[in-house]
Amino acid sequence: MGNHTPLSGNLGVYPHKGRRDGITLQRNILLTLEFDGSDFAGWQIQPEQRTVQGELLSTLQRMFKDPTIKVTGSGRTDSGVHALG
């Protein structure tokens, strides 16, 4: 597959806001991602760098208006490497 590396992301935990009993539920969602890594400094969040994990995390937190969302990858890519889902 050359520089194409399979990458799966596991969307982490966010609370279910509809509960009245104070219990926080967690949900795990498996995502399979495909991307062109040319403009990224790899998968893992790095200070002052644009990364796939960082972009996915900030987008999901904005989309769901929930800063507690976490993103955990089951694989990583290096800078400039693409992922084929």
C-alpha atoms as a PDB file:
ATOM      1  CA  MET A   1       0.000   0.000   0.000  1.00  0.00           C
ATOM      2  CA  GLY A   2       2.962   2.376  -0.125  1.00  0.00           C
ATOM      3  CA  ASN A   3       2.555   5.332   2.224  1.00  0.00           C
ATOM      4  CA  HIS A   4      -1.116   4.558   2.834  1.00  0.00           C
ATOM      5  CA  THR A   5      -1.618   3.324   6.391  1.00  0.00           C
ATOM      6  CA  PRO A   6      -4.991   2.119   7.724  1.00  0.00           C
ATOM      7  CA  LEU A   7      -6.107   4.215  10.666  1.00  0.00           C
ATOM      8  CA  SER A   8      -9.079   3.785  12.939  1.00  0.00           C
ATOM      9  CA  GLY A   9     -10.129   6.388  15.464  1.00  0.00           C
ATOM     10  CA  ASN A  10     -12.129   5.651  18.565  1.00  0.00           C
ATOM     11  CA  LEU A  11     -14.301   8.605  19.468  1.00  0.00           C
ATOM     12  CA  GLY A  12     -14.159   8.840  23.213  1.00  0.00           C
ATOM     13  CA  VAL A  13     -16.403   9.772  25.988  1.00  0.00           C
ATOM     14  CA  TYR A  14     -19.121  12.326  26.268  1.00  0.00           C
ATOM     15  CA  PRO A  15     -21.905  12.660  28.834  1.00  0.00           C
ATOM     16  CA  HIS A  16     -25.546  11.990  28.101  1.00  0.00           C
ATOM     17  CA  LYS A  17     -27.138  15.290  29.048  1.00  0.00           C
ATOM     18  CA  GLY A  18     -30.690  13.948  29.317  1.00  0.00           C
ATOM     19  CA  ARG A  19     -30.205  12.096  32.615  1.00  0.00           C
ATOM     20  CA  ARG A  20     -31.800  13.548  35.757  1.00  0.00           C
ATOM     21  CA  ASP A  21     -30.208  11.159  38.254  1.00  0.00           C
ATOM     22  CA  GLY A  22     -26.726  12.697  37.990  1.00  0.00           C
ATOM     23  CA  ILE A  23     -25.194   9.618  36.374  1.00  0.00           C
ATOM     24  CA  THR A  24     -22.876  10.387  33.472  1.00  0.00           C
ATOM     25  CA  LEU A  25     -23.035   7.872  30.656  1.00  0.00           C
ATOM     26  CA  GLN A  26     -20.136   7.266  28.311  1.00  0.00           C
ATOM     27  CA  ARG A  27     -20.280   6.257  24.670  1.00  0.00           C
ATOM     28  CA  ASN A  28     -17.524   4.878  22.470  1.00  0.00           C
ATOM     29  CA  ILE A  29     -17.871   5.207  18.723  1.00  0.00           C
ATOM     30  CA  LEU A  30     -15.506   3.563  16.257  1.00  0.00           C
ATOM     31  CA  LEU A  31     -14.521   5.734  13.294  1.00  0.00           C
ATOM     32  CA  THR A  32     -12.511   4.594  10.311  1.00  0.00           C
ATOM     33  CA  LEU A  33     -10.729   7.576   8.821  1.00  0.00           C
ATOM     34  CA  GLU A  34      -9.170   8.213   5.440  1.00  0.00           C
ATOM     35  CA  PHE A  35      -7.143  11.353   4.826  1.00  0.00           C
ATOM     36  CA  ASP A  36      -4.427  13.030   2.815  1.00  0.00           C
ATOM     37  CA  GLY A  37      -1.720  13.717   5.397  1.00  0.00           C
ATOM     38  CA  SER A  38       0.238  16.222   3.300  1.00  0.00           C
ATOM     39  CA  ASP A  39      -0.731  19.202   5.484  1.00  0.00           C
ATOM     40  CA  PHE A  40      -0.546  17.406   8.844  1.00  0.00           C
ATOM     41  CA  ALA A  41       2.292  16.756  11.304  1.00  0.00           C
ATOM     42  CA  GLY A  42       1.065  13.179  11.817  1.00  0.00           C
ATOM     43  CA  TRP A  43      -1.801  11.770  13.871  1.00  0.00           C
ATOM     44  CA  GLN A  44      -0.894  12.553  17.491  1.00  0.00           C
ATOM     45  CA  ILE A  45      -1.482  15.999  19.005  1.00  0.00           C
ATOM     46  CA  GLN A  46       1.730  18.052  19.153  1.00  0.00           C
ATOM     47  CA  PRO A  47       2.267  21.584  20.449  1.00  0.00           C
ATOM     48  CA  GLU A  48       2.113  24.275  17.753  1.00  0.00           C
ATOM     49  CA  GLN A  49       1.461  21.684  15.011  1.00  0.00           C
ATOM     50  CA  ARG A  50      -1.610  20.836  12.916  1.00  0.00           C
ATOM     51  CA  THR A  51      -2.379  17.143  13.478  1.00  0.00           C
ATOM     52  CA  VAL A  52      -5.198  14.811  12.457  1.00  0.00           C
ATOM     53  CA  GLN A  53      -6.118  14.014  16.072  1.00  0.00           C
ATOM     54  CA  GLY A  54      -6.108  17.716  16.979  1.00  0.00           C
ATOM     55  CA  GLU A  55      -8.330  18.706  14.041  1.00  0.00           C
ATOM     56  CA  LEU A  56     -10.762  15.837  14.669  1.00  0.00           C
ATOM     57  CA  LEU A  57     -10.937  16.603  18.391  1.00  0.00           C
ATOM     58  CA  SER A  58     -11.566  20.336  18.003  1.00  0.00           C
ATOM     59  CA  THR A  59     -14.170  19.749  15.271  1.00  0.00           C
ATOM     60  CA  LEU A  60     -16.118  17.202  17.350  1.00  0.00           C
ATOM     61  CA  GLN A  61     -15.976  19.379  20.480  1.00  0.00           C
ATOM     62  CA  ARG A  62     -17.366  22.346  18.510  1.00  0.00           C
ATOM     63  CA  MET A  63     -19.962  20.230  16.697  1.00  0.00           C
ATOM     64  CA  PHE A  64     -21.361  18.689  19.895  1.00  0.00           C
ATOM     65  CA  LYS A  65     -20.634  21.766  22.055  1.00  0.00           C
ATOM     66  CA  ASP A  66     -18.878  19.489  24.535  1.00  0.00           C
ATOM     67  CA  PRO A  67     -15.262  20.134  25.624  1.00  0.00           C
ATOM     68  CA  THR A  68     -15.083  16.749  27.412  1.00  0.00           C
ATOM     69  CA  ILE A  69     -15.011  14.704  24.182  1.00  0.00           C
ATOM     70  CA  LYS A  70     -11.804  12.688  23.800  1.00  0.00           C
ATOM     71  CA  VAL A  71     -10.289  11.099  20.697  1.00  0.00           C
ATOM     72  CA  THR A  72      -8.026   8.062  20.933  1.00  0.00           C
ATOM     73  CA  GLY A  73      -6.383   6.477  17.908  1.00  0.00           C
ATOM     74  CA  SER A  74      -5.633   2.799  17.496  1.00  0.00           C
ATOM     75  CA  GLY A  75      -2.857   3.651  15.047  1.00  0.00           C
ATOM     76  CA  ARG A  76      -0.688   6.626  14.171  1.00  0.00           C
ATOM     77  CA  THR A  77       0.820   8.181  11.096  1.00  0.00           C
ATOM     78  CA  ASP A  78       3.976  10.233  10.703  1.00  0.00           C
ATOM     79  CA  SER A  79       4.115  13.696   9.222  1.00  0.00           C
ATOM     80  CA  GLY A  80       2.916  13.816   5.624  1.00  0.00           C
ATOM     81  CA  VAL A  81       1.700  10.204   5.575  1.00  0.00           C
ATOM     82  CA  HIS A  82      -1.772   9.420   4.203  1.00  0.00           C
ATOM     83  CA  ALA A  83      -4.327   7.006   5.668  1.00  0.00           C
ATOM     84  CA  LEU A  84      -6.550   4.795   3.567  1.00  0.00           C
ATOM     85  CA  GLY A  85      -9.738   3.823   5.434  1.00  0.00           C
END
